[in-house]
Amino acid sequence: MRVFHFQPPPFCLREALRYAGTHGEDEEITALMISAWQEAEGQLSYQVCCREYPLLLDGENCNLYFAGVQSRSLSRHLQGCHGTLLMGATVGVGIDRLIARYGKIAPARALMMQAIGAERIEALCDAFCRLMGEEMKRAGAYLRPRFSPGYGDVPLEMQIDIFKALRPEKPIGLTLNDSLLMSPSKSVTAIIGLTEEKQNMPSASCLSCGKRECLYRRDL
């Protein structure tokens, strides 16, 4: 198990506004987002844990060594990979508290906090992938875009296997309840393929997801 504590990645106002369902055309909404960010900034932490595993593919059967799953989308995504990096990431409970507080008294500000949380966890995952990409490159390996439970035909129930393998509760304070919801809510678990095939690895996890109608899908 490896545990990382990151410095705050640069905040992207444009991305946060996109997660809020706007694009910055409205000065009042932009001002509200900036104000929410100024309040939320000091309430966030940036933590990641990971483990490396071998990989064996047999058609659609994926032996991930911490779990086995039959999946067309995951097997296709991991073709050519010799192993995987299993990761869990969170920006902490502070943003959840702000969302809950303003959900009762200022719904518009709560929406901004939700969007900030989404932008922050994606920025953290991207920072982690850049760091590991550089590290793996020195060992002659390259990263595939991350792939999370719920993408394609991989069931959300795979979260149970991921949490048993990572045990992220103590190192980064990330838990899973009986409804398969993570706490803190602005958290991500993912499988990252390791391959010897040199490639440009897009940071956007949207590449791995077939939900092309998603309102929050990045332009790739």
Protein backbone atom coordinates (compact mmCIF):
# COMPACT_ATOMS: atom_id res chain seq x y z
CA MET A 1 0.00 0.00 0.00
CA ARG A 2 1.23 3.46 -0.90
CA VAL A 3 -0.36 6.62 0.51
CA PHE A 4 0.02 10.10 -0.97
CA HIS A 5 -0.86 13.52 0.44
CA PHE A 6 -1.01 16.09 -2.34
CA GLN A 7 -0.74 19.83 -2.29
CA PRO A 8 -3.93 21.43 -3.70
CA PRO A 9 -3.96 21.17 -7.50
CA PRO A 10 -4.71 24.44 -9.36
CA PHE A 11 -8.42 25.25 -9.23
CA CYS A 12 -10.16 25.44 -12.61
CA LEU A 13 -13.08 27.86 -12.40
CA ARG A 14 -14.28 26.90 -15.86
CA GLU A 15 -14.50 23.20 -14.91
CA ALA A 16 -16.32 23.97 -11.68
CA LEU A 17 -18.86 26.10 -13.54
CA ARG A 18 -19.33 23.27 -16.03
CA TYR A 19 -20.10 20.86 -13.19
CA ALA A 20 -22.61 23.41 -11.89
CA GLY A 21 -24.36 23.33 -15.27
CA THR A 22 -23.25 26.76 -16.44
CA HIS A 23 -20.37 28.11 -18.50
CA GLY A 24 -19.63 31.43 -16.85
CA GLU A 25 -21.89 33.61 -18.98
CA ASP A 26 -23.68 34.89 -15.87
CA GLU A 27 -21.52 37.23 -13.78
CA GLU A 28 -23.64 36.68 -10.66
CA ILE A 29 -23.23 32.90 -10.85
CA THR A 30 -19.50 33.25 -11.48
CA ALA A 31 -19.19 35.55 -8.46
CA LEU A 32 -21.09 33.03 -6.34
CA MET A 33 -18.76 30.24 -7.46
CA ILE A 34 -15.68 32.31 -6.62
CA SER A 35 -17.10 33.13 -3.20
CA ALA A 36 -17.90 29.46 -2.55
CA TRP A 37 -14.39 28.44 -3.59
CA GLN A 38 -12.83 30.99 -1.23
CA GLU A 39 -14.81 29.43 1.61
CA ALA A 40 -14.22 25.80 0.61
CA GLU A 41 -10.53 26.06 -0.22
CA GLY A 42 -9.29 25.63 3.34
CA GLN A 43 -11.69 22.77 4.11
CA LEU A 44 -10.23 20.30 1.62
CA SER A 45 -7.59 17.60 1.91
CA TYR A 46 -6.05 15.65 -1.00
CA GLN A 47 -5.27 12.02 -0.29
CA VAL A 48 -4.71 8.94 -2.44
CA CYS A 49 -3.83 5.32 -1.70
CA CYS A 50 -2.91 2.65 -4.24
CA ARG A 51 -1.73 -0.92 -4.76
CA GLU A 52 -0.24 -2.59 -7.83
CA TYR A 53 -1.55 -5.96 -9.04
CA PRO A 54 -0.77 -8.40 -11.86
CA LEU A 55 -3.40 -9.01 -14.53
CA LEU A 56 -4.59 -12.00 -16.55
CA LEU A 57 -7.14 -11.62 -19.35
CA ASP A 58 -8.97 -14.55 -20.94
CA GLY A 59 -11.49 -13.17 -23.40
CA GLU A 60 -13.96 -11.20 -21.30
CA ASN A 61 -12.78 -12.81 -18.07
CA CYS A 62 -10.59 -10.36 -16.14
CA ASN A 63 -8.46 -11.82 -13.35
CA LEU A 64 -7.39 -8.71 -11.43
CA TYR A 65 -5.95 -10.83 -8.58
CA PHE A 66 -7.85 -8.81 -6.00
CA ALA A 67 -11.09 -9.76 -7.82
CA GLY A 68 -12.41 -11.50 -10.89
CA VAL A 69 -15.01 -10.03 -13.20
CA GLN A 70 -16.50 -10.88 -16.57
CA SER A 71 -16.68 -7.65 -18.54
CA ARG A 72 -16.45 -6.84 -22.21
CA SER A 73 -15.74 -3.15 -21.58
CA LEU A 74 -13.02 -3.69 -18.96
CA SER A 75 -11.28 -6.47 -20.89
CA ARG A 76 -11.25 -4.27 -23.98
CA HIS A 77 -9.91 -1.35 -21.93
CA LEU A 78 -7.10 -3.47 -20.46
CA GLN A 79 -6.00 -5.23 -23.64
CA GLY A 80 -2.21 -5.15 -23.87
CA CYS A 81 -1.77 -4.47 -20.15
CA HIS A 82 0.44 -6.61 -17.90
CA GLY A 83 -0.89 -5.27 -14.59
CA THR A 84 -3.09 -2.71 -12.90
CA LEU A 85 -2.81 0.06 -10.37
CA LEU A 86 -5.76 0.12 -7.98
CA MET A 87 -6.42 3.56 -6.49
CA GLY A 88 -8.68 5.29 -4.01
CA ALA A 89 -8.79 9.09 -3.73
CA THR A 90 -10.70 11.62 -1.64
CA VAL A 91 -10.80 15.35 -0.93
CA GLY A 92 -12.16 14.78 2.58
CA VAL A 93 -15.33 15.43 4.54
CA GLY A 94 -15.06 19.22 4.70
CA ILE A 95 -16.84 19.76 1.40
CA ASP A 96 -19.63 17.38 2.46
CA ARG A 97 -20.22 19.49 5.57
CA LEU A 98 -20.45 22.67 3.50
CA ILE A 99 -22.87 21.02 1.06
CA ALA A 100 -25.08 19.85 3.95
CA ARG A 101 -25.00 23.24 5.66
CA TYR A 102 -25.97 25.24 2.60
CA GLY A 103 -28.42 22.65 1.35
CA LYS A 104 -30.74 23.82 4.13
CA ILE A 105 -30.26 27.58 3.91
CA ALA A 106 -28.78 28.45 0.49
CA PRO A 107 -29.41 25.83 -2.24
CA ALA A 108 -27.58 27.82 -4.94
CA ARG A 109 -24.44 27.96 -2.81
CA ALA A 110 -24.82 24.24 -2.05
CA LEU A 111 -24.84 23.60 -5.81
CA MET A 112 -21.60 25.54 -6.14
CA MET A 113 -20.07 23.46 -3.34
CA GLN A 114 -21.16 20.26 -5.12
CA ALA A 115 -19.49 21.47 -8.31
CA ILE A 116 -16.32 22.45 -6.47
CA GLY A 117 -16.14 18.98 -4.94
CA ALA A 118 -16.50 17.37 -8.36
CA GLU A 119 -13.80 19.59 -9.88
CA ARG A 120 -11.47 18.98 -6.93
CA ILE A 121 -11.67 15.17 -6.95
CA GLU A 122 -11.09 15.08 -10.70
CA ALA A 123 -8.12 17.43 -10.33
CA LEU A 124 -6.70 15.21 -7.59
CA CYS A 125 -7.07 12.06 -9.70
CA ASP A 126 -5.43 13.79 -12.65
CA ALA A 127 -2.52 14.93 -10.45
CA PHE A 128 -2.06 11.39 -9.14
CA CYS A 129 -2.10 9.93 -12.65
CA ARG A 130 0.48 12.44 -13.83
CA LEU A 131 2.73 11.58 -10.91
CA MET A 132 2.40 7.83 -11.39
CA GLY A 133 2.72 8.20 -15.16
CA GLU A 134 6.14 9.77 -14.73
CA GLU A 135 7.17 7.13 -12.20
CA MET A 136 6.00 4.22 -14.34
CA LYS A 137 7.63 5.68 -17.45
CA ARG A 138 11.01 5.40 -15.77
CA ALA A 139 10.29 1.67 -15.33
CA GLY A 140 9.22 1.30 -18.97
CA ALA A 141 5.47 1.21 -18.34
CA TYR A 142 2.62 3.52 -19.28
CA LEU A 143 -0.82 4.19 -17.81
CA ARG A 144 -4.21 3.68 -19.38
CA PRO A 145 -7.02 6.09 -18.40
CA ARG A 146 -8.64 5.15 -15.12
CA PHE A 147 -11.70 2.90 -15.09
CA SER A 148 -14.17 2.88 -12.17
CA PRO A 149 -16.95 0.51 -11.05
CA GLY A 150 -20.15 1.50 -12.83
CA TYR A 151 -18.38 2.25 -16.13
CA GLY A 152 -19.57 0.15 -19.06
CA ASP A 153 -20.76 -3.26 -17.91
CA VAL A 154 -18.67 -3.38 -14.71
CA PRO A 155 -21.10 -3.61 -11.77
CA LEU A 156 -20.99 -1.09 -8.94
CA GLU A 157 -20.78 -4.07 -6.57
CA MET A 158 -17.11 -4.35 -7.53
CA GLN A 159 -16.56 -1.56 -5.01
CA ILE A 160 -16.75 -4.22 -2.29
CA ASP A 161 -13.74 -6.06 -3.73
CA ILE A 162 -11.82 -2.81 -4.19
CA PHE A 163 -12.37 -1.78 -0.57
CA LYS A 164 -11.32 -5.22 0.67
CA ALA A 165 -8.11 -4.92 -1.35
CA LEU A 166 -7.25 -1.30 -0.59
CA ARG A 167 -8.55 -1.02 2.98
CA PRO A 168 -8.61 2.79 2.59
CA GLU A 169 -10.55 3.44 5.79
CA LYS A 170 -7.51 4.08 8.00
CA PRO A 171 -4.93 5.57 5.58
CA ILE A 172 -7.22 8.11 3.88
CA GLY A 173 -10.52 7.93 5.80
CA LEU A 174 -12.52 6.52 2.87
CA THR A 175 -15.42 4.17 3.68
CA LEU A 176 -18.16 2.29 1.80
CA ASN A 177 -21.67 1.77 3.17
CA ASP A 178 -24.15 -1.03 2.50
CA SER A 179 -25.69 0.99 -0.36
CA LEU A 180 -22.26 1.14 -2.06
CA LEU A 181 -21.99 4.87 -1.44
CA MET A 182 -18.57 6.22 -0.50
CA SER A 183 -17.91 8.63 2.33
CA PRO A 184 -16.60 11.27 1.89
CA SER A 185 -18.83 11.62 -1.14
CA LYS A 186 -16.24 13.43 -3.28
CA SER A 187 -14.09 10.34 -3.67
CA VAL A 188 -13.07 8.00 -6.48
CA THR A 189 -11.87 4.42 -6.76
CA ALA A 190 -10.45 3.24 -10.05
CA ILE A 191 -8.44 0.62 -11.93
CA ILE A 192 -5.57 1.91 -14.07
CA GLY A 193 -4.04 -0.42 -16.64
CA LEU A 194 -0.25 -0.74 -16.88
CA THR A 195 1.15 -1.41 -20.32
CA GLU A 196 4.50 -1.42 -22.12
CA GLU A 197 2.80 0.16 -25.14
CA LYS A 198 3.85 3.80 -25.36
CA GLN A 199 0.82 6.07 -25.62
CA ASN A 200 -0.45 9.51 -24.79
CA MET A 201 -2.66 8.98 -21.75
CA PRO A 202 -5.62 11.38 -21.64
CA SER A 203 -6.34 12.38 -18.07
CA ALA A 204 -10.11 12.42 -18.57
CA SER A 205 -11.77 9.30 -17.20
CA CYS A 206 -14.70 10.08 -19.51
CA LEU A 207 -12.79 8.20 -22.23
CA SER A 208 -13.52 4.97 -20.36
CA CYS A 209 -17.24 5.59 -19.99
CA GLY A 210 -19.85 4.85 -22.65
CA LYS A 211 -22.42 7.30 -21.25
CA ARG A 212 -21.97 9.83 -24.03
CA GLU A 213 -25.20 11.64 -23.17
CA CYS A 214 -23.88 12.53 -19.69
CA LEU A 215 -24.29 16.23 -18.89
CA TYR A 216 -20.91 16.27 -17.16
CA ARG A 217 -18.95 14.53 -19.91
CA ARG A 218 -15.72 16.31 -20.76
CA ASP A 219 -15.01 17.46 -24.30
CA LEU A 220 -12.28 15.08 -25.45
